[in-house]
N, C-alpha and C. Protein backbone atom coordinates (compact mmCIF):
# COMPACT_ATOMS: atom_id res chain seq x y z
N MET A 1 107.32 8.28 -26.44
CA MET A 1 107.52 9.21 -25.34
C MET A 1 106.83 8.67 -24.09
N ASP A 2 107.50 8.76 -22.95
CA ASP A 2 106.91 8.36 -21.68
C ASP A 2 105.65 9.19 -21.42
N ILE A 3 104.60 8.52 -20.88
CA ILE A 3 103.32 9.20 -20.74
C ILE A 3 103.40 10.41 -19.81
N HIS A 4 104.24 10.36 -18.78
CA HIS A 4 104.35 11.50 -17.87
C HIS A 4 105.03 12.69 -18.55
N HIS A 5 106.01 12.41 -19.41
CA HIS A 5 106.65 13.48 -20.17
C HIS A 5 105.69 14.03 -21.23
N ARG A 6 104.84 13.15 -21.78
CA ARG A 6 103.84 13.61 -22.74
C ARG A 6 102.89 14.60 -22.07
N ILE A 7 102.39 14.24 -20.89
CA ILE A 7 101.48 15.12 -20.16
C ILE A 7 102.17 16.45 -19.82
N ALA A 8 103.43 16.36 -19.35
CA ALA A 8 104.18 17.56 -18.99
C ALA A 8 104.34 18.48 -20.19
N GLN A 9 104.71 17.90 -21.33
CA GLN A 9 104.93 18.71 -22.52
C GLN A 9 103.63 19.32 -23.05
N ARG A 10 102.56 18.54 -23.02
CA ARG A 10 101.28 19.06 -23.50
C ARG A 10 100.77 20.18 -22.60
N LEU A 11 100.97 20.05 -21.28
CA LEU A 11 100.55 21.11 -20.37
C LEU A 11 101.31 22.40 -20.66
N ARG A 12 102.62 22.29 -20.88
CA ARG A 12 103.41 23.49 -21.21
C ARG A 12 102.93 24.11 -22.51
N GLU A 13 102.68 23.26 -23.51
CA GLU A 13 102.24 23.77 -24.82
C GLU A 13 100.89 24.47 -24.72
N LEU A 14 99.94 23.84 -24.04
CA LEU A 14 98.59 24.41 -23.95
C LEU A 14 98.61 25.72 -23.16
N ARG A 15 99.39 25.77 -22.10
CA ARG A 15 99.49 27.00 -21.30
C ARG A 15 100.15 28.11 -22.11
N SER A 16 101.24 27.76 -22.82
CA SER A 16 101.95 28.75 -23.63
C SER A 16 101.08 29.27 -24.77
N ALA A 17 100.31 28.37 -25.39
CA ALA A 17 99.46 28.77 -26.52
C ALA A 17 98.41 29.79 -26.10
N ARG A 18 98.00 29.74 -24.83
CA ARG A 18 96.99 30.67 -24.33
C ARG A 18 97.61 31.89 -23.66
N GLY A 19 98.92 31.89 -23.56
CA GLY A 19 99.61 33.03 -22.95
C GLY A 19 99.41 33.13 -21.45
N TYR A 20 99.14 32.00 -20.79
CA TYR A 20 98.92 32.02 -19.35
C TYR A 20 100.24 31.83 -18.60
N SER A 21 100.44 32.62 -17.58
CA SER A 21 101.55 32.38 -16.67
C SER A 21 101.15 31.25 -15.72
N LEU A 22 102.12 30.76 -14.94
CA LEU A 22 101.79 29.74 -13.94
C LEU A 22 100.76 30.27 -12.95
N ASP A 23 100.93 31.51 -12.55
CA ASP A 23 99.99 32.11 -11.60
C ASP A 23 98.58 32.23 -12.20
N ALA A 24 98.52 32.61 -13.48
CA ALA A 24 97.21 32.77 -14.12
C ALA A 24 96.49 31.43 -14.22
N LEU A 25 97.21 30.38 -14.62
CA LEU A 25 96.58 29.07 -14.73
C LEU A 25 96.19 28.55 -13.35
N ALA A 26 97.00 28.82 -12.34
CA ALA A 26 96.67 28.41 -10.98
C ALA A 26 95.35 29.05 -10.54
N GLU A 27 95.19 30.32 -10.86
CA GLU A 27 93.96 31.02 -10.48
C GLU A 27 92.75 30.49 -11.23
N ARG A 28 92.93 30.19 -12.51
CA ARG A 28 91.82 29.72 -13.34
C ARG A 28 91.42 28.28 -13.01
N SER A 29 92.37 27.47 -12.59
CA SER A 29 92.11 26.03 -12.41
C SER A 29 91.89 25.61 -10.96
N GLY A 30 92.42 26.39 -10.02
CA GLY A 30 92.34 25.97 -8.63
C GLY A 30 93.44 24.99 -8.25
N VAL A 31 94.40 24.77 -9.16
CA VAL A 31 95.57 23.93 -8.87
C VAL A 31 96.72 24.86 -8.50
N SER A 32 97.46 24.52 -7.45
CA SER A 32 98.50 25.42 -6.97
C SER A 32 99.60 25.62 -8.02
N ARG A 33 100.23 26.79 -7.97
CA ARG A 33 101.32 27.11 -8.89
C ARG A 33 102.44 26.10 -8.78
N SER A 34 102.79 25.71 -7.56
CA SER A 34 103.89 24.76 -7.37
C SER A 34 103.55 23.40 -7.96
N ASN A 35 102.30 22.99 -7.83
CA ASN A 35 101.89 21.69 -8.38
C ASN A 35 101.94 21.72 -9.90
N ILE A 36 101.48 22.81 -10.50
CA ILE A 36 101.54 22.94 -11.96
C ILE A 36 102.99 22.88 -12.43
N SER A 37 103.87 23.57 -11.73
CA SER A 37 105.29 23.58 -12.09
C SER A 37 105.89 22.19 -12.02
N LEU A 38 105.54 21.44 -10.97
CA LEU A 38 106.05 20.07 -10.84
C LEU A 38 105.56 19.18 -11.97
N ILE A 39 104.28 19.33 -12.33
CA ILE A 39 103.73 18.53 -13.43
C ILE A 39 104.42 18.86 -14.74
N GLU A 40 104.65 20.15 -15.00
CA GLU A 40 105.29 20.57 -16.25
C GLU A 40 106.74 20.08 -16.34
N ARG A 41 107.37 19.85 -15.21
CA ARG A 41 108.74 19.35 -15.21
C ARG A 41 108.78 17.82 -15.17
N GLY A 42 107.62 17.20 -15.16
CA GLY A 42 107.56 15.74 -15.12
C GLY A 42 107.94 15.17 -13.78
N GLU A 43 107.85 15.97 -12.72
CA GLU A 43 108.25 15.52 -11.39
C GLU A 43 107.06 15.15 -10.51
N SER A 44 105.84 15.27 -11.05
CA SER A 44 104.65 14.92 -10.31
C SER A 44 103.68 14.20 -11.25
N SER A 45 103.04 13.16 -10.74
CA SER A 45 102.06 12.41 -11.52
C SER A 45 100.67 12.86 -11.13
N PRO A 46 100.02 13.68 -11.95
CA PRO A 46 98.72 14.24 -11.56
C PRO A 46 97.61 13.19 -11.61
N THR A 47 96.61 13.35 -10.76
CA THR A 47 95.44 12.48 -10.78
C THR A 47 94.49 12.96 -11.86
N ALA A 48 93.48 12.15 -12.14
CA ALA A 48 92.47 12.54 -13.12
C ALA A 48 91.75 13.80 -12.68
N ALA A 49 91.49 13.94 -11.37
CA ALA A 49 90.79 15.13 -10.86
C ALA A 49 91.62 16.39 -11.08
N VAL A 50 92.94 16.30 -10.89
CA VAL A 50 93.82 17.46 -11.11
C VAL A 50 93.88 17.80 -12.59
N LEU A 51 94.02 16.80 -13.44
CA LEU A 51 94.05 17.05 -14.89
C LEU A 51 92.73 17.67 -15.36
N ASP A 52 91.63 17.23 -14.77
CA ASP A 52 90.33 17.79 -15.12
C ASP A 52 90.26 19.27 -14.78
N LYS A 53 90.78 19.65 -13.60
CA LYS A 53 90.79 21.06 -13.21
C LYS A 53 91.67 21.88 -14.15
N LEU A 54 92.82 21.32 -14.53
CA LEU A 54 93.71 22.03 -15.45
C LEU A 54 93.06 22.17 -16.82
N ALA A 55 92.37 21.12 -17.27
CA ALA A 55 91.71 21.17 -18.57
C ALA A 55 90.65 22.26 -18.59
N ILE A 56 89.88 22.37 -17.53
CA ILE A 56 88.84 23.40 -17.47
C ILE A 56 89.48 24.79 -17.44
N GLY A 57 90.58 24.92 -16.69
CA GLY A 57 91.27 26.21 -16.65
C GLY A 57 91.83 26.62 -17.99
N LEU A 58 92.21 25.63 -18.81
CA LEU A 58 92.75 25.90 -20.15
C LEU A 58 91.68 25.93 -21.22
N GLY A 59 90.46 25.48 -20.88
CA GLY A 59 89.38 25.46 -21.86
C GLY A 59 89.51 24.35 -22.88
N VAL A 60 90.04 23.19 -22.45
CA VAL A 60 90.20 22.05 -23.35
C VAL A 60 89.62 20.81 -22.68
N ALA A 61 89.50 19.73 -23.45
CA ALA A 61 89.08 18.46 -22.88
C ALA A 61 90.25 17.80 -22.17
N LEU A 62 89.96 17.01 -21.15
CA LEU A 62 91.01 16.29 -20.43
C LEU A 62 91.85 15.45 -21.39
N ALA A 63 91.21 14.93 -22.43
CA ALA A 63 91.91 14.09 -23.41
C ALA A 63 93.05 14.82 -24.11
N SER A 64 93.02 16.17 -24.10
CA SER A 64 94.06 16.95 -24.78
C SER A 64 95.45 16.70 -24.21
N PHE A 65 95.53 16.31 -22.93
CA PHE A 65 96.83 16.08 -22.31
C PHE A 65 97.51 14.81 -22.83
N PHE A 66 96.76 13.97 -23.53
CA PHE A 66 97.31 12.72 -24.03
C PHE A 66 97.53 12.76 -25.54
N ASP A 67 97.25 13.92 -26.15
CA ASP A 67 97.50 14.08 -27.58
C ASP A 67 99.00 14.14 -27.85
N ASP A 68 99.36 13.97 -29.11
CA ASP A 68 100.76 14.07 -29.49
C ASP A 68 101.24 15.51 -29.36
N SER A 69 102.52 15.66 -29.07
CA SER A 69 103.11 16.97 -28.91
C SER A 69 103.06 17.75 -30.21
N ALA A 70 102.84 19.06 -30.10
CA ALA A 70 102.77 19.91 -31.28
C ALA A 70 104.11 20.00 -32.00
N ASP A 71 105.23 19.81 -31.28
CA ASP A 71 106.53 19.94 -31.92
C ASP A 71 107.07 18.60 -32.40
N GLY A 72 106.19 17.56 -32.33
CA GLY A 72 106.61 16.27 -32.85
C GLY A 72 107.53 15.52 -31.94
N GLY A 73 107.52 15.83 -30.65
CA GLY A 73 108.39 15.16 -29.71
C GLY A 73 108.12 13.69 -29.56
N ASP A 74 106.98 13.23 -30.10
CA ASP A 74 106.65 11.82 -30.02
C ASP A 74 107.20 11.04 -31.21
N GLY A 75 107.86 11.75 -32.12
CA GLY A 75 108.44 11.06 -33.27
C GLY A 75 107.64 11.22 -34.54
N SER A 76 106.53 11.96 -34.50
CA SER A 76 105.73 12.15 -35.70
C SER A 76 105.69 13.63 -36.06
N GLU A 77 106.87 14.20 -36.34
CA GLU A 77 106.95 15.62 -36.63
C GLU A 77 106.12 15.98 -37.85
N GLY A 78 105.54 17.17 -37.77
CA GLY A 78 104.80 17.67 -38.90
C GLY A 78 105.57 18.75 -39.62
N ALA A 79 106.83 18.97 -39.25
CA ALA A 79 107.61 20.02 -39.87
C ALA A 79 107.90 19.67 -41.32
N GLU A 80 108.34 20.69 -42.06
CA GLU A 80 108.61 20.51 -43.48
C GLU A 80 109.71 19.46 -43.67
N GLY A 81 109.44 18.52 -44.58
CA GLY A 81 110.41 17.47 -44.87
C GLY A 81 110.26 16.26 -43.98
N MET A 82 109.42 16.33 -42.96
CA MET A 82 109.22 15.20 -42.07
C MET A 82 107.91 14.50 -42.39
N LYS A 83 107.79 13.28 -41.95
CA LYS A 83 106.59 12.50 -42.21
C LYS A 83 105.41 13.07 -41.43
N PRO A 84 104.25 13.27 -42.08
CA PRO A 84 103.09 13.82 -41.37
C PRO A 84 102.51 12.80 -40.40
N PRO A 85 101.64 13.24 -39.49
CA PRO A 85 101.02 12.31 -38.55
C PRO A 85 100.34 11.16 -39.28
N SER A 86 100.52 9.96 -38.77
CA SER A 86 100.00 8.76 -39.43
C SER A 86 98.54 8.50 -39.10
N PRO A 87 97.76 8.00 -40.07
CA PRO A 87 96.38 7.61 -39.78
C PRO A 87 96.29 6.23 -39.13
N HIS A 88 97.44 5.62 -38.84
CA HIS A 88 97.46 4.27 -38.24
C HIS A 88 98.33 4.27 -37.00
N ILE A 89 97.89 3.51 -36.00
CA ILE A 89 98.70 3.32 -34.81
C ILE A 89 98.54 1.87 -34.36
N SER A 90 99.65 1.22 -34.07
CA SER A 90 99.60 -0.17 -33.63
C SER A 90 99.24 -0.22 -32.15
N ALA A 91 98.74 -1.36 -31.71
CA ALA A 91 98.34 -1.51 -30.31
C ALA A 91 99.51 -1.25 -29.37
N ALA A 92 100.71 -1.64 -29.78
CA ALA A 92 101.89 -1.48 -28.92
C ALA A 92 102.26 -0.02 -28.73
N ASP A 93 101.86 0.84 -29.65
CA ASP A 93 102.22 2.26 -29.58
C ASP A 93 101.13 3.14 -28.98
N GLN A 94 100.00 2.58 -28.62
CA GLN A 94 98.91 3.36 -28.06
C GLN A 94 99.26 3.79 -26.62
N PRO A 95 99.35 5.09 -26.36
CA PRO A 95 99.77 5.55 -25.03
C PRO A 95 98.78 5.17 -23.94
N GLN A 96 99.32 4.71 -22.82
CA GLN A 96 98.49 4.25 -21.71
C GLN A 96 98.86 5.02 -20.45
N TRP A 97 97.85 5.37 -19.66
CA TRP A 97 98.06 6.14 -18.43
C TRP A 97 97.20 5.57 -17.32
N GLN A 98 97.73 5.54 -16.11
CA GLN A 98 96.97 5.06 -14.96
C GLN A 98 96.78 6.18 -13.95
N ASP A 99 95.53 6.38 -13.53
CA ASP A 99 95.22 7.40 -12.54
C ASP A 99 95.80 6.97 -11.19
N PRO A 100 96.69 7.78 -10.60
CA PRO A 100 97.31 7.39 -9.33
C PRO A 100 96.30 7.23 -8.19
N ALA A 101 95.17 7.93 -8.26
CA ALA A 101 94.21 7.89 -7.16
C ALA A 101 93.29 6.67 -7.22
N SER A 102 92.65 6.45 -8.36
CA SER A 102 91.66 5.36 -8.47
C SER A 102 92.24 4.09 -9.06
N GLY A 103 93.33 4.21 -9.80
CA GLY A 103 93.91 3.04 -10.46
C GLY A 103 93.30 2.72 -11.81
N TYR A 104 92.37 3.56 -12.30
CA TYR A 104 91.80 3.25 -13.61
C TYR A 104 92.85 3.49 -14.69
N VAL A 105 92.78 2.68 -15.75
CA VAL A 105 93.77 2.71 -16.82
C VAL A 105 93.11 3.23 -18.09
N ARG A 106 93.74 4.20 -18.69
CA ARG A 106 93.23 4.86 -19.89
C ARG A 106 94.19 4.60 -21.05
N ARG A 107 93.68 4.09 -22.16
CA ARG A 107 94.50 3.85 -23.35
C ARG A 107 93.93 4.64 -24.52
N ARG A 108 94.74 5.49 -25.13
CA ARG A 108 94.29 6.24 -26.30
C ARG A 108 94.43 5.34 -27.52
N LEU A 109 93.30 5.03 -28.15
CA LEU A 109 93.29 4.12 -29.30
C LEU A 109 93.53 4.83 -30.62
N SER A 110 93.19 6.11 -30.69
CA SER A 110 93.22 6.84 -31.96
C SER A 110 94.64 7.17 -32.41
N PRO A 111 94.90 7.13 -33.72
CA PRO A 111 96.21 7.55 -34.25
C PRO A 111 96.38 9.06 -34.15
N SER A 112 97.57 9.54 -34.53
CA SER A 112 97.90 10.95 -34.35
C SER A 112 97.36 11.85 -35.46
N ALA A 113 96.86 11.27 -36.55
CA ALA A 113 96.32 12.11 -37.63
C ALA A 113 95.16 12.95 -37.11
N PRO A 114 95.09 14.24 -37.49
CA PRO A 114 94.03 15.12 -36.98
C PRO A 114 92.64 14.56 -37.29
N SER A 115 91.77 14.63 -36.29
CA SER A 115 90.40 14.14 -36.44
C SER A 115 89.53 14.75 -35.35
N PRO A 116 88.26 15.05 -35.65
CA PRO A 116 87.36 15.54 -34.61
C PRO A 116 86.90 14.44 -33.66
N LEU A 117 87.24 13.19 -33.99
CA LEU A 117 86.82 12.04 -33.21
C LEU A 117 88.02 11.38 -32.55
N GLN A 118 87.88 11.00 -31.28
CA GLN A 118 88.94 10.30 -30.58
C GLN A 118 88.34 9.12 -29.81
N LEU A 119 89.02 7.96 -29.88
CA LEU A 119 88.57 6.77 -29.19
C LEU A 119 89.53 6.44 -28.05
N VAL A 120 88.95 6.07 -26.91
CA VAL A 120 89.72 5.76 -25.71
C VAL A 120 89.16 4.49 -25.08
N GLU A 121 90.04 3.61 -24.62
CA GLU A 121 89.61 2.43 -23.87
C GLU A 121 89.97 2.64 -22.40
N VAL A 122 89.03 2.31 -21.51
CA VAL A 122 89.25 2.47 -20.07
C VAL A 122 88.97 1.15 -19.37
N VAL A 123 89.86 0.79 -18.44
CA VAL A 123 89.62 -0.32 -17.52
C VAL A 123 89.49 0.29 -16.13
N PHE A 124 88.31 0.11 -15.52
CA PHE A 124 87.97 0.79 -14.26
C PHE A 124 87.87 -0.23 -13.14
N PRO A 125 88.69 -0.09 -12.08
CA PRO A 125 88.70 -1.07 -11.00
C PRO A 125 87.37 -1.12 -10.23
N PRO A 126 87.05 -2.28 -9.64
CA PRO A 126 85.81 -2.41 -8.87
C PRO A 126 85.83 -1.53 -7.61
N GLY A 127 84.67 -0.95 -7.31
CA GLY A 127 84.53 -0.17 -6.10
C GLY A 127 85.08 1.25 -6.18
N GLN A 128 85.73 1.61 -7.27
CA GLN A 128 86.34 2.94 -7.38
C GLN A 128 85.36 3.96 -7.94
N ARG A 129 85.65 5.22 -7.63
CA ARG A 129 84.81 6.34 -8.07
C ARG A 129 85.70 7.51 -8.46
N VAL A 130 85.39 8.15 -9.58
CA VAL A 130 86.12 9.34 -10.03
C VAL A 130 85.09 10.41 -10.39
N ALA A 131 85.22 11.58 -9.77
CA ALA A 131 84.31 12.69 -10.03
C ALA A 131 85.05 13.76 -10.83
N LEU A 132 84.49 14.12 -11.97
CA LEU A 132 85.09 15.14 -12.83
C LEU A 132 84.08 16.25 -13.05
N ASP A 133 84.60 17.49 -13.06
CA ASP A 133 83.71 18.62 -13.31
C ASP A 133 83.24 18.59 -14.76
N SER A 134 84.20 18.40 -15.69
CA SER A 134 83.92 18.18 -17.12
C SER A 134 83.22 19.33 -17.82
N ALA A 135 83.02 20.46 -17.17
CA ALA A 135 82.36 21.59 -17.82
C ALA A 135 83.41 22.45 -18.51
N VAL A 136 83.69 22.17 -19.77
CA VAL A 136 84.70 22.90 -20.53
C VAL A 136 84.07 24.14 -21.14
N PRO A 137 84.42 25.33 -20.66
CA PRO A 137 83.78 26.56 -21.15
C PRO A 137 84.11 26.82 -22.61
N GLY A 138 83.06 27.18 -23.37
CA GLY A 138 83.26 27.55 -24.76
C GLY A 138 83.52 26.41 -25.70
N ALA A 139 83.47 25.16 -25.21
CA ALA A 139 83.73 24.01 -26.08
C ALA A 139 82.46 23.21 -26.27
N ASP A 140 82.29 22.68 -27.46
CA ASP A 140 81.14 21.84 -27.77
C ASP A 140 81.65 20.42 -27.97
N ILE A 141 81.85 19.72 -26.86
CA ILE A 141 82.44 18.39 -26.89
C ILE A 141 81.42 17.37 -26.42
N HIS A 142 81.21 16.34 -27.24
CA HIS A 142 80.27 15.29 -26.90
C HIS A 142 81.03 13.98 -26.65
N GLN A 143 80.45 13.14 -25.80
CA GLN A 143 81.10 11.90 -25.42
C GLN A 143 80.07 10.78 -25.33
N GLN A 144 80.46 9.59 -25.80
CA GLN A 144 79.64 8.41 -25.64
C GLN A 144 80.46 7.33 -24.96
N VAL A 145 79.85 6.64 -24.01
CA VAL A 145 80.50 5.56 -23.27
C VAL A 145 79.78 4.26 -23.60
N TRP A 146 80.52 3.30 -24.15
CA TRP A 146 79.96 1.99 -24.50
C TRP A 146 80.62 0.96 -23.59
N LEU A 147 79.82 0.37 -22.71
CA LEU A 147 80.34 -0.58 -21.73
C LEU A 147 80.53 -1.95 -22.38
N LEU A 148 81.76 -2.44 -22.32
CA LEU A 148 82.09 -3.73 -22.94
C LEU A 148 82.03 -4.88 -21.95
N GLU A 149 82.50 -4.63 -20.72
CA GLU A 149 82.53 -5.68 -19.70
C GLU A 149 82.23 -5.06 -18.35
N GLY A 150 81.57 -5.85 -17.48
CA GLY A 150 81.34 -5.41 -16.10
C GLY A 150 80.14 -4.51 -15.95
N ARG A 151 80.16 -3.71 -14.88
CA ARG A 151 79.09 -2.77 -14.56
C ARG A 151 79.68 -1.40 -14.27
N MET A 152 78.94 -0.36 -14.60
CA MET A 152 79.32 1.01 -14.26
C MET A 152 78.08 1.80 -13.92
N GLU A 153 78.26 2.82 -13.13
CA GLU A 153 77.19 3.79 -12.88
C GLU A 153 77.76 5.17 -13.14
N LEU A 154 77.18 5.87 -14.12
CA LEU A 154 77.61 7.22 -14.45
C LEU A 154 76.53 8.19 -14.00
N THR A 155 76.93 9.19 -13.24
CA THR A 155 76.00 10.23 -12.84
C THR A 155 76.35 11.48 -13.63
N VAL A 156 75.46 11.86 -14.54
CA VAL A 156 75.66 13.02 -15.40
C VAL A 156 74.81 14.16 -14.87
N GLY A 157 75.45 15.18 -14.33
CA GLY A 157 74.68 16.21 -13.63
C GLY A 157 74.10 15.60 -12.37
N ASP A 158 72.79 15.57 -12.28
CA ASP A 158 72.11 14.97 -11.13
C ASP A 158 71.45 13.63 -11.48
N THR A 159 71.67 13.14 -12.69
CA THR A 159 70.97 11.93 -13.14
C THR A 159 71.90 10.72 -13.15
N PRO A 160 71.59 9.68 -12.35
CA PRO A 160 72.40 8.46 -12.37
C PRO A 160 71.96 7.54 -13.51
N TRP A 161 72.94 6.92 -14.16
CA TRP A 161 72.68 6.00 -15.26
C TRP A 161 73.43 4.69 -15.00
N PRO A 162 72.72 3.63 -14.57
CA PRO A 162 73.38 2.33 -14.41
C PRO A 162 73.62 1.69 -15.78
N LEU A 163 74.82 1.17 -15.99
CA LEU A 163 75.17 0.57 -17.28
C LEU A 163 75.58 -0.89 -17.08
N ALA A 164 75.03 -1.75 -17.94
CA ALA A 164 75.44 -3.15 -18.01
C ALA A 164 76.18 -3.35 -19.32
N ALA A 165 76.85 -4.49 -19.44
CA ALA A 165 77.63 -4.76 -20.64
C ALA A 165 76.74 -4.63 -21.89
N GLY A 166 77.24 -3.85 -22.86
CA GLY A 166 76.50 -3.62 -24.09
C GLY A 166 75.75 -2.30 -24.11
N ASP A 167 75.53 -1.69 -22.92
CA ASP A 167 74.81 -0.42 -22.86
C ASP A 167 75.72 0.72 -23.33
N CYS A 168 75.09 1.77 -23.86
CA CYS A 168 75.82 2.94 -24.33
C CYS A 168 75.11 4.20 -23.82
N LEU A 169 75.90 5.17 -23.38
CA LEU A 169 75.36 6.42 -22.84
C LEU A 169 76.02 7.61 -23.52
N ALA A 170 75.21 8.54 -24.01
CA ALA A 170 75.71 9.75 -24.65
C ALA A 170 75.57 10.94 -23.70
N MET A 171 76.53 11.87 -23.76
CA MET A 171 76.50 13.03 -22.88
C MET A 171 77.32 14.15 -23.51
N GLN A 172 77.12 15.36 -23.01
CA GLN A 172 77.93 16.50 -23.43
C GLN A 172 78.78 16.93 -22.26
N LEU A 173 80.03 17.34 -22.54
CA LEU A 173 80.95 17.72 -21.47
C LEU A 173 80.69 19.16 -21.04
N ASN A 174 79.51 19.38 -20.46
CA ASN A 174 79.15 20.71 -19.98
C ASN A 174 78.59 20.66 -18.56
N GLN A 175 78.81 19.53 -17.86
CA GLN A 175 78.31 19.38 -16.51
C GLN A 175 79.13 18.31 -15.79
N PRO A 176 79.07 18.26 -14.46
CA PRO A 176 79.85 17.26 -13.73
C PRO A 176 79.43 15.84 -14.08
N ILE A 177 80.44 14.94 -14.10
CA ILE A 177 80.19 13.53 -14.39
C ILE A 177 80.95 12.70 -13.34
N VAL A 178 80.25 11.74 -12.75
CA VAL A 178 80.86 10.84 -11.77
C VAL A 178 80.87 9.43 -12.36
N PHE A 179 82.06 8.82 -12.37
CA PHE A 179 82.22 7.44 -12.84
C PHE A 179 82.37 6.54 -11.61
N HIS A 180 81.57 5.48 -11.54
CA HIS A 180 81.62 4.59 -10.39
C HIS A 180 81.41 3.16 -10.86
N ASN A 181 82.27 2.26 -10.36
CA ASN A 181 82.12 0.84 -10.64
C ASN A 181 81.55 0.18 -9.38
N PRO A 182 80.25 -0.16 -9.37
CA PRO A 182 79.65 -0.75 -8.18
C PRO A 182 79.85 -2.26 -8.09
N GLY A 183 80.49 -2.83 -9.10
CA GLY A 183 80.64 -4.28 -9.14
C GLY A 183 81.85 -4.78 -8.39
N THR A 184 82.10 -6.08 -8.53
CA THR A 184 83.23 -6.73 -7.86
C THR A 184 84.33 -7.11 -8.83
N THR A 185 84.15 -6.79 -10.10
CA THR A 185 85.15 -7.08 -11.13
C THR A 185 85.44 -5.81 -11.91
N PRO A 186 86.61 -5.70 -12.55
CA PRO A 186 86.91 -4.50 -13.34
C PRO A 186 85.89 -4.31 -14.47
N ALA A 187 85.61 -3.09 -14.78
CA ALA A 187 84.75 -2.75 -15.92
C ALA A 187 85.64 -2.24 -17.05
N ARG A 188 85.26 -2.55 -18.27
CA ARG A 188 86.00 -2.08 -19.44
C ARG A 188 85.02 -1.41 -20.38
N TYR A 189 85.37 -0.20 -20.83
CA TYR A 189 84.46 0.50 -21.72
C TYR A 189 85.22 1.33 -22.74
N LEU A 190 84.51 1.64 -23.81
CA LEU A 190 85.05 2.47 -24.89
C LEU A 190 84.45 3.86 -24.78
N VAL A 191 85.30 4.88 -24.90
CA VAL A 191 84.84 6.27 -24.89
C VAL A 191 85.09 6.87 -26.27
N ALA A 192 84.07 7.45 -26.85
CA ALA A 192 84.20 8.17 -28.12
C ALA A 192 83.98 9.65 -27.85
N LEU A 193 84.98 10.46 -28.14
CA LEU A 193 84.93 11.91 -27.92
C LEU A 193 84.87 12.61 -29.27
N ALA A 194 83.99 13.58 -29.40
CA ALA A 194 83.89 14.32 -30.66
C ALA A 194 83.69 15.79 -30.38
N THR A 195 84.46 16.61 -31.09
CA THR A 195 84.28 18.05 -31.05
C THR A 195 83.36 18.42 -32.20
N VAL A 196 82.19 18.93 -31.87
CA VAL A 196 81.17 19.10 -32.91
C VAL A 196 80.76 20.57 -33.05
N SER A 197 81.67 21.49 -32.75
CA SER A 197 81.32 22.91 -32.85
C SER A 197 80.95 23.29 -34.28
N ALA A 198 81.52 22.55 -35.25
CA ALA A 198 81.22 22.87 -36.65
C ALA A 198 80.11 21.99 -37.20
N PHE A 199 79.52 21.15 -36.32
CA PHE A 199 78.51 20.22 -36.79
C PHE A 199 77.14 20.86 -36.77
N THR A 200 76.43 20.78 -37.87
CA THR A 200 75.08 21.29 -37.95
C THR A 200 74.17 20.17 -38.38
N PRO A 201 73.21 19.76 -37.55
CA PRO A 201 72.32 18.67 -37.93
C PRO A 201 71.59 19.00 -39.22
N LEU A 202 71.43 18.00 -40.06
CA LEU A 202 70.73 18.19 -41.31
C LEU A 202 69.25 18.38 -41.05
N ALA A 203 68.69 19.40 -41.67
CA ALA A 203 67.26 19.61 -41.54
C ALA A 203 66.52 18.60 -42.40
N PRO A 204 65.33 18.20 -42.00
CA PRO A 204 64.57 17.27 -42.83
C PRO A 204 64.38 17.85 -44.22
N ARG A 205 64.56 17.01 -45.21
CA ARG A 205 64.41 17.46 -46.59
C ARG A 205 62.96 17.83 -46.85
N SER A 206 62.74 19.06 -47.31
CA SER A 206 61.36 19.50 -47.57
C SER A 206 60.89 18.99 -48.91
N LEU A 207 59.65 18.62 -48.94
CA LEU A 207 59.07 18.13 -50.18
C LEU A 207 58.57 19.30 -51.00
N PRO A 208 58.57 19.16 -52.32
CA PRO A 208 58.05 20.25 -53.16
C PRO A 208 56.57 20.46 -52.88
N PRO A 209 56.11 21.70 -53.01
CA PRO A 209 54.69 21.97 -52.75
C PRO A 209 53.80 21.17 -53.69
N VAL A 210 52.71 20.71 -53.13
CA VAL A 210 51.76 19.93 -53.94
C VAL A 210 50.83 20.90 -54.64
N ARG A 211 50.79 20.78 -55.94
CA ARG A 211 49.90 21.65 -56.72
C ARG A 211 48.48 21.08 -56.72
N ALA A 212 47.54 21.98 -56.60
CA ALA A 212 46.14 21.54 -56.64
C ALA A 212 45.83 21.01 -58.02
N ALA A 213 45.10 19.92 -58.05
CA ALA A 213 44.77 19.30 -59.34
C ALA A 213 43.78 20.19 -60.10
N THR A 214 44.05 20.36 -61.37
CA THR A 214 43.14 21.15 -62.21
C THR A 214 41.98 20.28 -62.63
N PRO A 215 40.76 20.72 -62.34
CA PRO A 215 39.61 19.88 -62.73
C PRO A 215 39.61 19.62 -64.23
N ALA A 216 39.30 18.39 -64.58
CA ALA A 216 39.27 18.02 -66.00
C ALA A 216 38.05 18.64 -66.67
N ALA A 217 38.22 19.03 -67.91
CA ALA A 217 37.10 19.62 -68.65
C ALA A 217 36.04 18.55 -68.89
N PRO A 218 34.77 18.91 -68.79
CA PRO A 218 33.70 17.90 -69.00
C PRO A 218 33.77 17.33 -70.41
N HIS A 219 33.53 16.02 -70.52
CA HIS A 219 33.60 15.34 -71.81
C HIS A 219 32.31 15.58 -72.58
N ARG A 220 32.43 16.07 -73.77
CA ARG A 220 31.24 16.32 -74.62
C ARG A 220 31.14 15.26 -75.71
N THR A 221 29.98 14.74 -75.84
CA THR A 221 29.73 13.73 -76.88
C THR A 221 29.39 14.42 -78.16
N ARG A 222 30.15 14.13 -79.20
CA ARG A 222 29.94 14.77 -80.50
C ARG A 222 28.78 14.05 -81.21
N ARG A 223 27.75 14.87 -81.62
CA ARG A 223 26.62 14.29 -82.34
C ARG A 223 26.99 13.98 -83.78
N LYS A 224 26.43 12.89 -84.23
CA LYS A 224 26.63 12.54 -85.65
C LYS A 224 25.72 13.37 -86.51
N PRO A 225 26.22 13.81 -87.67
CA PRO A 225 25.34 14.62 -88.55
C PRO A 225 24.24 13.76 -89.14
């Protein structure tokens, strides 16, 4: 499926699943009703900033717009008698999208089989900057960015984090994030997204209580008769 049609179909599905009208989503997201309508018809190519606003209005991660269609429009129907989503995806089939504003390229690496974890590869042009609100209400979504090539500076909330090749940064999608490439060459990084609402950290294993040692009875020497 063409990536623009995938985004259009996913936007319609997510809006319909929540019972939002075009006007309701426009009010919740700050994106105009006409713009939402154009995107849903595949007649407009939204920027990352617009998709981020729509994601927040829908209460989902931006990555949700690149997931496979719920009705199997991508060829992996889950209906009865059809092949279920595959746990494998070849490099040639990994959907790729380019942000019209910054030119950064996003490739979804993960297969369509359901998983709380999603992997994404991004190539970010030099000198470009993308600011995302990223505060998804009611969602517990964590993200890690592992820089493979080049330089990046991520500002999470009010804290800037300069990244060199090999560095990794963890964050939660509950505050604004700014992506900036201060270098002169493209940066390439891996993004790992995980929904961890059902995740509970394991508590340290408690040791059994130590019993106080019972004093040994005094040794008595038996006299010989």
